[in-house]
PDB file of N, CA and C in Angstrom:
ATOM      1  N   MET A   1      50.393 270.955  61.749  1.00  0.00           N
ATOM      2  CA  MET A   1      49.918 269.723  62.330  1.00  0.00           C
ATOM      3  C   MET A   1      49.973 269.853  63.839  1.00  0.00           C
ATOM      4  N   GLU A   2      48.849 269.843  64.466  1.00  0.00           N
ATOM      5  CA  GLU A   2      48.769 270.040  65.911  1.00  0.00           C
ATOM      6  C   GLU A   2      49.052 268.730  66.634  1.00  0.00           C
ATOM      7  N   VAL A   3      49.883 268.809  67.656  1.00  0.00           N
ATOM      8  CA  VAL A   3      50.225 267.631  68.447  1.00  0.00           C
ATOM      9  C   VAL A   3      49.087 267.355  69.418  1.00  0.00           C
ATOM     10  N   PRO A   4      48.541 266.118  69.447  1.00  0.00           N
ATOM     11  CA  PRO A   4      47.440 265.837  70.374  1.00  0.00           C
ATOM     12  C   PRO A   4      47.908 265.900  71.821  1.00  0.00           C
ATOM     13  N   GLY A   5      47.072 266.456  72.675  1.00  0.00           N
ATOM     14  CA  GLY A   5      47.396 266.561  74.090  1.00  0.00           C
ATOM     15  C   GLY A   5      48.271 267.741  74.442  1.00  0.00           C
ATOM     16  N   SER A   6      48.611 268.577  73.476  1.00  0.00           N
ATOM     17  CA  SER A   6      49.471 269.723  73.734  1.00  0.00           C
ATOM     18  C   SER A   6      48.641 270.887  74.263  1.00  0.00           C
ATOM     19  N   SER A   7      49.261 271.669  75.131  1.00  0.00           N
ATOM     20  CA  SER A   7      48.561 272.817  75.699  1.00  0.00           C
ATOM     21  C   SER A   7      48.624 274.030  74.768  1.00  0.00           C
ATOM     22  N   LYS A   8      49.535 274.005  73.785  1.00  0.00           N
ATOM     23  CA  LYS A   8      49.681 275.140  72.875  1.00  0.00           C
ATOM     24  C   LYS A   8      48.785 274.956  71.654  1.00  0.00           C
ATOM     25  N   PRO A   9      48.011 275.974  71.314  1.00  0.00           N
ATOM     26  CA  PRO A   9      47.164 275.863  70.117  1.00  0.00           C
ATOM     27  C   PRO A   9      47.980 276.136  68.856  1.00  0.00           C
ATOM     28  N   MET A  10      47.467 275.660  67.740  1.00  0.00           N
ATOM     29  CA  MET A  10      48.094 275.903  66.445  1.00  0.00           C
ATOM     30  C   MET A  10      47.640 277.269  65.959  1.00  0.00           C
ATOM     31  N   LEU A  11      48.554 278.238  65.886  1.00  0.00           N
ATOM     32  CA  LEU A  11      48.186 279.611  65.527  1.00  0.00           C
ATOM     33  C   LEU A  11      48.342 279.891  64.034  1.00  0.00           C
ATOM     34  N   ALA A  12      49.320 279.284  63.393  1.00  0.00           N
ATOM     35  CA  ALA A  12      49.528 279.505  61.963  1.00  0.00           C
ATOM     36  C   ALA A  12      48.669 278.526  61.167  1.00  0.00           C
ATOM     37  N   THR A  13      48.028 279.016  60.118  1.00  0.00           N
ATOM     38  CA  THR A  13      47.201 278.146  59.277  1.00  0.00           C
ATOM     39  C   THR A  13      48.080 277.453  58.236  1.00  0.00           C
ATOM     40  N   GLN A  14      47.515 276.425  57.598  1.00  0.00           N
ATOM     41  CA  GLN A  14      48.256 275.710  56.553  1.00  0.00           C
ATOM     42  C   GLN A  14      48.601 276.647  55.392  1.00  0.00           C
ATOM     43  N   GLU A  15      47.676 277.533  55.054  1.00  0.00           N
ATOM     44  CA  GLU A  15      47.918 278.457  53.941  1.00  0.00           C
ATOM     45  C   GLU A  15      49.087 279.393  54.249  1.00  0.00           C
ATOM     46  N   GLU A  16      49.141 279.896  55.480  1.00  0.00           N
ATOM     47  CA  GLU A  16      50.249 280.777  55.871  1.00  0.00           C
ATOM     48  C   GLU A  16      51.581 280.035  55.811  1.00  0.00           C
ATOM     49  N   MET A  17      51.591 278.782  56.272  1.00  0.00           N
ATOM     50  CA  MET A  17      52.840 278.016  56.273  1.00  0.00           C
ATOM     51  C   MET A  17      53.282 277.668  54.855  1.00  0.00           C
ATOM     52  N   VAL A  18      52.322 277.369  53.972  1.00  0.00           N
ATOM     53  CA  VAL A  18      52.668 277.082  52.576  1.00  0.00           C
ATOM     54  C   VAL A  18      53.199 278.345  51.910  1.00  0.00           C
ATOM     55  N   GLU A  19      52.536 279.472  52.168  1.00  0.00           N
ATOM     56  CA  GLU A  19      52.961 280.746  51.584  1.00  0.00           C
ATOM     57  C   GLU A  19      54.360 281.138  52.067  1.00  0.00           C
ATOM     58  N   ALA A  20      54.652 280.877  53.337  1.00  0.00           N
ATOM     59  CA  ALA A  20      55.968 281.210  53.883  1.00  0.00           C
ATOM     60  C   ALA A  20      57.004 280.122  53.594  1.00  0.00           C
ATOM     61  N   ARG A  21      56.589 279.065  52.910  1.00  0.00           N
ATOM     62  CA  ARG A  21      57.456 277.936  52.557  1.00  0.00           C
ATOM     63  C   ARG A  21      58.136 277.329  53.781  1.00  0.00           C
ATOM     64  N   VAL A  22      57.345 277.097  54.825  1.00  0.00           N
ATOM     65  CA  VAL A  22      57.854 276.432  56.025  1.00  0.00           C
ATOM     66  C   VAL A  22      57.963 274.942  55.712  1.00  0.00           C
ATOM     67  N   PRO A  23      59.126 274.326  55.927  1.00  0.00           N
ATOM     68  CA  PRO A  23      59.260 272.886  55.667  1.00  0.00           C
ATOM     69  C   PRO A  23      58.282 272.078  56.521  1.00  0.00           C
ATOM     70  N   ILE A  24      57.803 270.981  55.981  1.00  0.00           N
ATOM     71  CA  ILE A  24      56.774 270.177  56.653  1.00  0.00           C
ATOM     72  C   ILE A  24      57.205 269.734  58.057  1.00  0.00           C
ATOM     73  N   PRO A  25      58.457 269.295  58.276  1.00  0.00           N
ATOM     74  CA  PRO A  25      58.812 268.880  59.649  1.00  0.00           C
ATOM     75  C   PRO A  25      58.741 270.006  60.685  1.00  0.00           C
ATOM     76  N   TYR A  26      58.753 271.262  60.236  1.00  0.00           N
ATOM     77  CA  TYR A  26      58.726 272.401  61.154  1.00  0.00           C
ATOM     78  C   TYR A  26      57.323 272.974  61.351  1.00  0.00           C
ATOM     79  N   ARG A  27      56.315 272.335  60.823  1.00  0.00           N
ATOM     80  CA  ARG A  27      54.944 272.843  60.938  1.00  0.00           C
ATOM     81  C   ARG A  27      54.302 272.316  62.219  1.00  0.00           C
ATOM     82  N   ASP A  28      54.689 272.901  63.316  1.00  0.00           N
ATOM     83  CA  ASP A  28      54.141 272.506  64.613  1.00  0.00           C
ATOM     84  C   ASP A  28      53.544 273.738  65.289  1.00  0.00           C
ATOM     85  N   GLN A  29      53.351 273.681  66.606  1.00  0.00           N
ATOM     86  CA  GLN A  29      52.727 274.795  67.328  1.00  0.00           C
ATOM     87  C   GLN A  29      53.607 276.035  67.362  1.00  0.00           C
ATOM     88  N   CYS A  30      54.868 275.917  66.984  1.00  0.00           N
ATOM     89  CA  CYS A  30      55.775 277.071  66.992  1.00  0.00           C
ATOM     90  C   CYS A  30      55.993 277.648  65.589  1.00  0.00           C
ATOM     91  N   ALA A  31      55.267 277.167  64.607  1.00  0.00           N
ATOM     92  CA  ALA A  31      55.454 277.637  63.230  1.00  0.00           C
ATOM     93  C   ALA A  31      55.113 279.115  63.088  1.00  0.00           C
ATOM     94  N   HIS A  32      54.183 279.605  63.906  1.00  0.00           N
ATOM     95  CA  HIS A  32      53.829 281.031  63.822  1.00  0.00           C
ATOM     96  C   HIS A  32      55.003 281.912  64.245  1.00  0.00           C
ATOM     97  N   LEU A  33      55.956 281.366  64.983  1.00  0.00           N
ATOM     98  CA  LEU A  33      57.158 282.118  65.359  1.00  0.00           C
ATOM     99  C   LEU A  33      58.279 281.929  64.339  1.00  0.00           C
ATOM    100  N   LEU A  34      58.244 280.814  63.619  1.00  0.00           N
ATOM    101  CA  LEU A  34      59.277 280.550  62.619  1.00  0.00           C
ATOM    102  C   LEU A  34      59.102 281.436  61.385  1.00  0.00           C
ATOM    103  N   ILE A  35      57.879 281.781  61.054  1.00  0.00           N
ATOM    104  CA  ILE A  35      57.621 282.602  59.858  1.00  0.00           C
ATOM    105  C   ILE A  35      58.296 283.975  59.963  1.00  0.00           C
ATOM    106  N   PRO A  36      58.092 284.751  61.054  1.00  0.00           N
ATOM    107  CA  PRO A  36      58.812 286.036  61.133  1.00  0.00           C
ATOM    108  C   PRO A  36      60.322 285.863  61.311  1.00  0.00           C
ATOM    109  N   LEU A  37      60.744 284.765  61.935  1.00  0.00           N
ATOM    110  CA  LEU A  37      62.182 284.514  62.082  1.00  0.00           C
ATOM    111  C   LEU A  37      62.823 284.310  60.711  1.00  0.00           C
ATOM    112  N   ASN A  38      62.200 283.518  59.855  1.00  0.00           N
ATOM    113  CA  ASN A  38      62.762 283.297  58.521  1.00  0.00           C
ATOM    114  C   ASN A  38      62.726 284.567  57.677  1.00  0.00           C
ATOM    115  N   LYS A  39      61.683 285.391  57.832  1.00  0.00           N
ATOM    116  CA  LYS A  39      61.640 286.675  57.113  1.00  0.00           C
ATOM    117  C   LYS A  39      62.789 287.573  57.557  1.00  0.00           C
ATOM    118  N   CYS A  40      63.031 287.605  58.866  1.00  0.00           N
ATOM    119  CA  CYS A  40      64.139 288.411  59.392  1.00  0.00           C
ATOM    120  C   CYS A  40      65.477 287.875  58.891  1.00  0.00           C
ATOM    121  N   ARG A  41      65.624 286.561  58.876  1.00  0.00           N
ATOM    122  CA  ARG A  41      66.879 285.962  58.397  1.00  0.00           C
ATOM    123  C   ARG A  41      67.142 286.334  56.939  1.00  0.00           C
ATOM    124  N   HIS A  42      66.116 286.262  56.103  1.00  0.00           N
ATOM    125  CA  HIS A  42      66.294 286.633  54.694  1.00  0.00           C
ATOM    126  C   HIS A  42      66.591 288.123  54.552  1.00  0.00           C
ATOM    127  N   ALA A  43      65.946 288.956  55.347  1.00  0.00           N
ATOM    128  CA  ALA A  43      66.173 290.406  55.260  1.00  0.00           C
ATOM    129  C   ALA A  43      67.571 290.781  55.732  1.00  0.00           C
ATOM    130  N   GLU A  44      68.108 290.036  56.691  1.00  0.00           N
ATOM    131  CA  GLU A  44      69.417 290.362  57.265  1.00  0.00           C
ATOM    132  C   GLU A  44      70.534 289.477  56.710  1.00  0.00           C
ATOM    133  N   PHE A  45      70.256 288.729  55.631  1.00  0.00           N
ATOM    134  CA  PHE A  45      71.258 287.882  54.969  1.00  0.00           C
ATOM    135  C   PHE A  45      71.877 286.846  55.909  1.00  0.00           C
ATOM    136  N   PHE A  46      71.058 286.298  56.803  1.00  0.00           N
ATOM    137  CA  PHE A  46      71.448 285.214  57.711  1.00  0.00           C
ATOM    138  C   PHE A  46      72.656 285.556  58.584  1.00  0.00           C
ATOM    139  N   LEU A  47      72.806 286.822  58.941  1.00  0.00           N
ATOM    140  CA  LEU A  47      73.889 287.199  59.846  1.00  0.00           C
ATOM    141  C   LEU A  47      73.570 286.656  61.241  1.00  0.00           C
ATOM    142  N   PRO A  48      74.526 285.960  61.879  1.00  0.00           N
ATOM    143  CA  PRO A  48      74.214 285.277  63.138  1.00  0.00           C
ATOM    144  C   PRO A  48      73.874 286.207  64.293  1.00  0.00           C
ATOM    145  N   TRP A  49      74.355 287.438  64.280  1.00  0.00           N
ATOM    146  CA  TRP A  49      74.062 288.349  65.393  1.00  0.00           C
ATOM    147  C   TRP A  49      72.765 289.141  65.173  1.00  0.00           C
ATOM    148  N   LYS A  50      72.116 288.927  64.050  1.00  0.00           N
ATOM    149  CA  LYS A  50      70.829 289.570  63.782  1.00  0.00           C
ATOM    150  C   LYS A  50      69.703 288.598  64.154  1.00  0.00           C
ATOM    151  N   CYS A  51      68.529 289.092  64.357  1.00  0.00           N
ATOM    152  CA  CYS A  51      67.312 288.303  64.631  1.00  0.00           C
ATOM    153  C   CYS A  51      67.447 287.446  65.888  1.00  0.00           C
ATOM    154  N   GLU A  52      68.243 287.903  66.844  1.00  0.00           N
ATOM    155  CA  GLU A  52      68.452 287.103  68.057  1.00  0.00           C
ATOM    156  C   GLU A  52      67.180 286.975  68.883  1.00  0.00           C
ATOM    157  N   ASN A  53      66.403 288.051  68.975  1.00  0.00           N
ATOM    158  CA  ASN A  53      65.184 288.009  69.776  1.00  0.00           C
ATOM    159  C   ASN A  53      64.183 287.007  69.193  1.00  0.00           C
ATOM    160  N   GLU A  54      63.981 287.059  67.862  1.00  0.00           N
ATOM    161  CA  GLU A  54      63.056 286.127  67.215  1.00  0.00           C
ATOM    162  C   GLU A  54      63.528 284.679  67.373  1.00  0.00           C
ATOM    163  N   ARG A  55      64.830 284.476  67.221  1.00  0.00           N
ATOM    164  CA  ARG A  55      65.384 283.121  67.348  1.00  0.00           C
ATOM    165  C   ARG A  55      65.212 282.594  68.767  1.00  0.00           C
ATOM    166  N   HIS A  56      65.450 283.451  69.758  1.00  0.00           N
ATOM    167  CA  HIS A  56      65.306 283.036  71.153  1.00  0.00           C
ATOM    168  C   HIS A  56      63.854 282.656  71.461  1.00  0.00           C
ATOM    169  N   ILE A  57      62.916 283.449  70.993  1.00  0.00           N
ATOM    170  CA  ILE A  57      61.497 283.164  71.240  1.00  0.00           C
ATOM    171  C   ILE A  57      61.104 281.840  70.581  1.00  0.00           C
ATOM    172  N   TYR A  58      61.571 281.614  69.335  1.00  0.00           N
ATOM    173  CA  TYR A  58      61.246 280.372  68.630  1.00  0.00           C
ATOM    174  C   TYR A  58      61.867 279.164  69.338  1.00  0.00           C
ATOM    175  N   GLU A  59      63.130 279.264  69.730  1.00  0.00           N
ATOM    176  CA  GLU A  59      63.796 278.141  70.393  1.00  0.00           C
ATOM    177  C   GLU A  59      63.175 277.843  71.753  1.00  0.00           C
ATOM    178  N   LYS A  60      62.729 278.874  72.458  1.00  0.00           N
ATOM    179  CA  LYS A  60      62.057 278.658  73.739  1.00  0.00           C
ATOM    180  C   LYS A  60      60.742 277.912  73.530  1.00  0.00           C
ATOM    181  N   CYS A  61      60.013 278.276  72.496  1.00  0.00           N
ATOM    182  CA  CYS A  61      58.755 277.591  72.187  1.00  0.00           C
ATOM    183  C   CYS A  61      59.017 276.115  71.867  1.00  0.00           C
ATOM    184  N   GLU A  62      60.027 275.836  71.056  1.00  0.00           N
ATOM    185  CA  GLU A  62      60.370 274.447  70.721  1.00  0.00           C
ATOM    186  C   GLU A  62      60.807 273.676  71.970  1.00  0.00           C
ATOM    187  N   TYR A  63      61.575 274.313  72.843  1.00  0.00           N
ATOM    188  CA  TYR A  63      62.019 273.674  74.084  1.00  0.00           C
ATOM    189  C   TYR A  63      60.822 273.306  74.957  1.00  0.00           C
ATOM    190  N   GLU A  64      59.862 274.223  75.053  1.00  0.00           N
ATOM    191  CA  GLU A  64      58.674 273.941  75.866  1.00  0.00           C
ATOM    192  C   GLU A  64      57.870 272.782  75.291  1.00  0.00           C
ATOM    193  N   LEU A  65      57.805 272.675  73.967  1.00  0.00           N
ATOM    194  CA  LEU A  65      57.111 271.542  73.350  1.00  0.00           C
ATOM    195  C   LEU A  65      57.817 270.225  73.666  1.00  0.00           C
ATOM    196  N   VAL A  66      59.144 270.233  73.602  1.00  0.00           N
ATOM    197  CA  VAL A  66      59.908 269.018  73.909  1.00  0.00           C
ATOM    198  C   VAL A  66      59.707 268.618  75.362  1.00  0.00           C
ATOM    199  N   MET A  67      59.770 269.583  76.260  1.00  0.00           N
ATOM    200  CA  MET A  67      59.583 269.274  77.679  1.00  0.00           C
ATOM    201  C   MET A  67      58.174 268.751  77.946  1.00  0.00           C
ATOM    202  N   GLU A  68      57.191 269.287  77.249  1.00  0.00           N
ATOM    203  CA  GLU A  68      55.813 268.821  77.401  1.00  0.00           C
ATOM    204  C   GLU A  68      55.681 267.369  76.937  1.00  0.00           C
ATOM    205  N   ARG A  69      56.323 267.045  75.800  1.00  0.00           N
ATOM    206  CA  ARG A  69      56.287 265.660  75.313  1.00  0.00           C
ATOM    207  C   ARG A  69      57.006 264.720  76.273  1.00  0.00           C
ATOM    208  N   MET A  70      58.113 265.164  76.850  1.00  0.00           N
ATOM    209  CA  MET A  70      58.834 264.332  77.815  1.00  0.00           C
ATOM    210  C   MET A  70      57.982 264.072  79.051  1.00  0.00           C
ATOM    211  N   LEU A  71      57.268 265.076  79.517  1.00  0.00           N
ATOM    212  CA  LEU A  71      56.393 264.914  80.676  1.00  0.00           C
ATOM    213  C   LEU A  71      55.259 263.939  80.369  1.00  0.00           C
ATOM    214  N   GLN A  72      54.684 264.042  79.173  1.00  0.00           N
ATOM    215  CA  GLN A  72      53.636 263.105  78.777  1.00  0.00           C
ATOM    216  C   GLN A  72      54.176 261.677  78.725  1.00  0.00           C
ATOM    217  N   MET A  73      55.387 261.500  78.186  1.00  0.00           N
ATOM    218  CA  MET A  73      55.972 260.159  78.106  1.00  0.00           C
ATOM    219  C   MET A  73      56.267 259.612  79.491  1.00  0.00           C
ATOM    220  N   GLN A  74      56.713 260.455  80.399  1.00  0.00           N
ATOM    221  CA  GLN A  74      56.970 260.016  81.768  1.00  0.00           C
ATOM    222  C   GLN A  74      55.674 259.556  82.434  1.00  0.00           C
ATOM    223  N   LYS A  75      54.584 260.276  82.211  1.00  0.00           N
ATOM    224  CA  LYS A  75      53.294 259.875  82.774  1.00  0.00           C
ATOM    225  C   LYS A  75      52.837 258.540  82.192  1.00  0.00           C
ATOM    226  N   ILE A  76      53.066 258.335  80.897  1.00  0.00           N
ATOM    227  CA  ILE A  76      52.693 257.065  80.265  1.00  0.00           C
ATOM    228  C   ILE A  76      53.506 255.922  80.861  1.00  0.00           C
ATOM    229  N   ARG A  77      54.816 256.132  81.038  1.00  0.00           N
ATOM    230  CA  ARG A  77      55.667 255.084  81.622  1.00  0.00           C
ATOM    231  C   ARG A  77      55.253 254.761  83.049  1.00  0.00           C
ATOM    232  N   GLU A  78      54.924 255.784  83.835  1.00  0.00           N
ATOM    233  CA  GLU A  78      54.486 255.544  85.213  1.00  0.00           C
ATOM    234  C   GLU A  78      53.175 254.774  85.246  1.00  0.00           C
ATOM    235  N   ALA A  79      52.258 255.101  84.342  1.00  0.00           N
ATOM    236  CA  ALA A  79      50.984 254.381  84.291  1.00  0.00           C
ATOM    237  C   ALA A  79      51.198 252.924  83.882  1.00  0.00           C
ATOM    238  N   GLU A  80      52.104 252.689  82.920  1.00  0.00           N
ATOM    239  CA  GLU A  80      52.397 251.313  82.511  1.00  0.00           C
ATOM    240  C   GLU A  80      53.043 250.533  83.641  1.00  0.00           C
ATOM    241  N   ALA A  81      53.965 251.162  84.372  1.00  0.00           N
ATOM    242  CA  ALA A  81      54.616 250.481  85.494  1.00  0.00           C
ATOM    243  C   ALA A  81      53.604 250.161  86.589  1.00  0.00           C
ATOM    244  N   LYS A  82      52.699 251.088  86.849  1.00  0.00           N
ATOM    245  CA  LYS A  82      51.668 250.853  87.860  1.00  0.00           C
ATOM    246  C   LYS A  82      50.744 249.720  87.426  1.00  0.00           C
ATOM    247  N   HIS A  83      50.381 249.708  86.151  1.00  0.00           N
ATOM    248  CA  HIS A  83      49.524 248.649  85.616  1.00  0.00           C
ATOM    249  C   HIS A  83      50.236 247.296  85.689  1.00  0.00           C
ATOM    250  N   LYS A  84      51.518 247.289  85.335  1.00  0.00           N
ATOM    251  CA  LYS A  84      52.301 246.054  85.378  1.00  0.00           C
ATOM    252  C   LYS A  84      52.449 245.562  86.812  1.00  0.00           C
ATOM    253  N   GLN A  85      52.670 246.481  87.744  1.00  0.00           N
ATOM    254  CA  GLN A  85      52.829 246.120  89.154  1.00  0.00           C
ATOM    255  C   GLN A  85      51.529 245.556  89.717  1.00  0.00           C
ATOM    256  N   SER A  86      50.394 246.117  89.335  1.00  0.00           N
ATOM    257  CA  SER A  86      49.115 245.624  89.852  1.00  0.00           C
ATOM    258  C   SER A  86      48.821 244.221  89.325  1.00  0.00           C
ATOM    259  N   HIS A  87      49.224 243.937  88.084  1.00  0.00           N
ATOM    260  CA  HIS A  87      49.030 242.594  87.547  1.00  0.00           C
ATOM    261  C   HIS A  87      50.015 241.608  88.156  1.00  0.00           C
ATOM    262  N   LYS A  88      51.192 242.077  88.504  1.00  0.00           N
ATOM    263  CA  LYS A  88      52.216 241.198  89.065  1.00  0.00           C
ATOM    264  C   LYS A  88      51.839 240.754  90.475  1.00  0.00           C
ATOM    265  N   GLN A  89      51.193 241.597  91.258  1.00  0.00           N
ATOM    266  CA  GLN A  89      50.846 241.262  92.634  1.00  0.00           C
ATOM    267  C   GLN A  89      49.773 240.184  92.702  1.00  0.00           C
ATOM    268  N   GLY A  90      48.912 240.079  91.723  1.00  0.00           N
ATOM    269  CA  GLY A  90      47.818 239.129  91.763  1.00  0.00           C
ATOM    270  C   GLY A  90      48.193 237.728  91.301  1.00  0.00           C
ATOM    271  N   THR A  91      49.403 237.520  90.795  1.00  0.00           N
ATOM    272  CA  THR A  91      49.777 236.211  90.280  1.00  0.00           C
ATOM    273  C   THR A  91      50.269 235.304  91.394  1.00  0.00           C
ATOM    274  N   ILE A  92      50.092 234.011  91.190  1.00  0.00           N
ATOM    275  CA  ILE A  92      50.557 233.000  92.140  1.00  0.00           C
ATOM    276  C   ILE A  92      51.824 232.387  91.559  1.00  0.00           C
ATOM    277  N   PRO A  93      52.897 232.291  92.337  1.00  0.00           N
ATOM    278  CA  PRO A  93      54.129 231.720  91.799  1.00  0.00           C
ATOM    279  C   PRO A  93      53.953 230.231  91.503  1.00  0.00           C
ATOM    280  N   LEU A  94      54.623 229.752  90.456  1.00  0.00           N
ATOM    281  CA  LEU A  94      54.520 228.345  90.090  1.00  0.00           C
ATOM    282  C   LEU A  94      55.205 227.448  91.110  1.00  0.00           C
ATOM    283  N   ILE A  95      56.316 227.883  91.658  1.00  0.00           N
ATOM    284  CA  ILE A  95      57.031 227.113  92.675  1.00  0.00           C
ATOM    285  C   ILE A  95      56.930 227.885  93.979  1.00  0.00           C
ATOM    286  N   PRO A  96      56.314 227.299  95.011  1.00  0.00           N
ATOM    287  CA  PRO A  96      56.211 228.025  96.278  1.00  0.00           C
ATOM    288  C   PRO A  96      57.579 228.239  96.902  1.00  0.00           C
ATOM    289  N   LYS A  97      57.687 229.279  97.706  1.00  0.00           N
ATOM    290  CA  LYS A  97      58.961 229.610  98.337  1.00  0.00           C
ATOM    291  C   LYS A  97      59.400 228.537  99.326  1.00  0.00           C
ATOM    292  N   THR A  98      58.471 227.744  99.841  1.00  0.00           N
ATOM    293  CA  THR A  98      58.811 226.710 100.830  1.00  0.00           C
ATOM    294  C   THR A  98      59.154 225.381 100.179  1.00  0.00           C
ATOM    295  N   ALA A  99      59.258 225.317  98.851  1.00  0.00           N
ATOM    296  CA  ALA A  99      59.529 224.048  98.176  1.00  0.00           C
ATOM    297  C   ALA A  99      60.878 223.476  98.582  1.00  0.00           C
ATOM    298  N   ASN A 100      61.865 224.308  98.783  1.00  0.00           N
ATOM    299  CA  ASN A 100      63.200 223.836  99.140  1.00  0.00           C
ATOM    300  C   ASN A 100      63.522 224.106 100.602  1.00  0.00           C
ATOM    301  N   ALA A 101      62.513 224.169 101.448  1.00  0.00           N
ATOM    302  CA  ALA A 101      62.736 224.527 102.846  1.00  0.00           C
ATOM    303  C   ALA A 101      63.535 223.471 103.592  1.00  0.00           C
ATOM    304  N   TYR A 102      63.352 222.189 103.268  1.00  0.00           N
ATOM    305  CA  TYR A 102      64.028 221.133 104.012  1.00  0.00           C
ATOM    306  C   TYR A 102      65.224 220.558 103.282  1.00  0.00           C
ATOM    307  N   TRP A 103      65.602 221.101 102.151  1.00  0.00           N
ATOM    308  CA  TRP A 103      66.783 220.597 101.470  1.00  0.00           C
ATOM    309  C   TRP A 103      68.017 221.086 102.190  1.00  0.00           C
ATOM    310  N   ARG A 104      68.944 220.159 102.444  1.00  0.00           N
ATOM    311  CA  ARG A 104      70.200 220.511 103.103  1.00  0.00           C
ATOM    312  C   ARG A 104      71.355 219.990 102.271  1.00  0.00           C
ATOM    313  N   HIS A 105      72.490 220.616 102.430  1.00  0.00           N
ATOM    314  CA  HIS A 105      73.690 220.154 101.752  1.00  0.00           C
ATOM    315  C   HIS A 105      74.075 218.796 102.314  1.00  0.00           C
ATOM    316  N   PRO A 106      74.574 217.863 101.479  1.00  0.00           N
ATOM    317  CA  PRO A 106      74.891 216.513 101.961  1.00  0.00           C
ATOM    318  C   PRO A 106      75.936 216.478 103.070  1.00  0.00           C
ATOM    319  N   LEU A 107      76.802 217.466 103.163  1.00  0.00           N
ATOM    320  CA  LEU A 107      77.846 217.444 104.186  1.00  0.00           C
ATOM    321  C   LEU A 107      77.386 218.032 105.515  1.00  0.00           C
ATOM    322  N   LEU A 108      76.217 218.670 105.562  1.00  0.00           N
ATOM    323  CA  LEU A 108      75.719 219.252 106.805  1.00  0.00           C
ATOM    324  C   LEU A 108      74.959 218.193 107.603  1.00  0.00           C
ATOM    325  N   PRO A 109      74.950 218.311 108.933  1.00  0.00           N
ATOM    326  CA  PRO A 109      74.213 217.323 109.740  1.00  0.00           C
ATOM    327  C   PRO A 109      72.712 217.454 109.515  1.00  0.00           C
ATOM    328  N   PRO A 110      71.932 216.375 109.783  1.00  0.00           N
ATOM    329  CA  PRO A 110      70.488 216.444 109.574  1.00  0.00           C
ATOM    330  C   PRO A 110      69.826 217.407 110.543  1.00  0.00           C
ATOM    331  N   LEU A 111      68.701 217.981 110.121  1.00  0.00           N
ATOM    332  CA  LEU A 111      67.942 218.908 110.950  1.00  0.00           C
ATOM    333  C   LEU A 111      66.899 218.138 111.754  1.00  0.00           C
ATOM    334  N   ILE A 112      66.583 218.631 112.937  1.00  0.00           N
ATOM    335  CA  ILE A 112      65.519 218.045 113.738  1.00  0.00           C
ATOM    336  C   ILE A 112      64.367 219.033 113.731  1.00  0.00           C
ATOM    337  N   ASP A 113      63.209 218.560 113.276  1.00  0.00           N
ATOM    338  CA  ASP A 113      62.021 219.394 113.239  1.00  0.00           C
ATOM    339  C   ASP A 113      61.325 219.253 114.579  1.00  0.00           C
ATOM    340  N   ALA A 114      61.454 220.256 115.437  1.00  0.00           N
ATOM    341  CA  ALA A 114      60.928 220.171 116.796  1.00  0.00           C
ATOM    342  C   ALA A 114      59.412 220.170 116.813  1.00  0.00           C
ATOM    343  N   ALA A 115      58.769 220.756 115.845  1.00  0.00           N
ATOM    344  CA  ALA A 115      57.308 220.820 115.850  1.00  0.00           C
ATOM    345  C   ALA A 115      56.684 219.461 115.562  1.00  0.00           C
ATOM    346  N   ARG A 116      57.362 218.619 114.759  1.00  0.00           N
ATOM    347  CA  ARG A 116      56.785 217.329 114.387  1.00  0.00           C
ATOM    348  C   ARG A 116      57.528 216.165 115.044  1.00  0.00           C
ATOM    349  N   PHE A 117      58.594 216.442 115.724  1.00  0.00           N
ATOM    350  CA  PHE A 117      59.386 215.442 116.442  1.00  0.00           C
ATOM    351  C   PHE A 117      59.873 214.318 115.545  1.00  0.00           C
ATOM    352  N   PHE A 118      60.396 214.654 114.409  1.00  0.00           N
ATOM    353  CA  PHE A 118      61.042 213.639 113.584  1.00  0.00           C
ATOM    354  C   PHE A 118      62.248 214.263 112.922  1.00  0.00           C
ATOM    355  N   VAL A 119      63.124 213.428 112.440  1.00  0.00           N
ATOM    356  CA  VAL A 119      64.372 213.871 111.835  1.00  0.00           C
ATOM    357  C   VAL A 119      64.148 214.040 110.337  1.00  0.00           C
ATOM    358  N   VAL A 120      64.595 215.169 109.825  1.00  0.00           N
ATOM    359  CA  VAL A 120      64.528 215.420 108.391  1.00  0.00           C
ATOM    360  C   VAL A 120      65.779 214.834 107.776  1.00  0.00           C
ATOM    361  N   VAL A 121      65.610 213.917 106.850  1.00  0.00           N
ATOM    362  CA  VAL A 121      66.733 213.195 106.265  1.00  0.00           C
ATOM    363  C   VAL A 121      67.288 214.004 105.103  1.00  0.00           C
ATOM    364  N   ASP A 122      68.622 214.037 105.003  1.00  0.00           N
ATOM    365  CA  ASP A 122      69.271 214.719 103.887  1.00  0.00           C
ATOM    366  C   ASP A 122      69.104 213.896 102.624  1.00  0.00           C
ATOM    367  N   LEU A 123      68.990 214.571 101.513  1.00  0.00           N
ATOM    368  CA  LEU A 123      68.889 213.899 100.228  1.00  0.00           C
ATOM    369  C   LEU A 123      70.273 213.458  99.789  1.00  0.00           C
ATOM    370  N   PRO A 124      70.403 212.273  99.188  1.00  0.00           N
ATOM    371  CA  PRO A 124      71.728 211.833  98.730  1.00  0.00           C
ATOM    372  C   PRO A 124      72.190 212.682  97.551  1.00  0.00           C
ATOM    373  N   ALA A 125      73.473 212.825  97.457  1.00  0.00           N
ATOM    374  CA  ALA A 125      74.040 213.659  96.410  1.00  0.00           C
ATOM    375  C   ALA A 125      74.095 212.969  95.077  1.00  0.00           C
TER     376      ALA A 125
END
């Protein structure tokens, strides 16, 4: 099963994977490396110090696929944040920032508005 948007092509066919009895969750772009690794494991009776080269190549391929998916997800998140930010800038706030400009605490003295020459009265508590 080829992952959409991946740079790695699917090299192993479905018939090869069925013949090699590759489990379905492992049928990705690295399955062509898993087939010889599993053959080596069976030939060497799953000894951990055998088949190291094949295992390293397979794990590197899987790591690159994971990193590629992470990069794609990061690009999607950045695009969503940019889209959200562009929609946020165009909205008008329901309460203007100047709505509470003349409210003062009841214990503070009244303000004098020099531009209009009148006294701003404090609201009762």
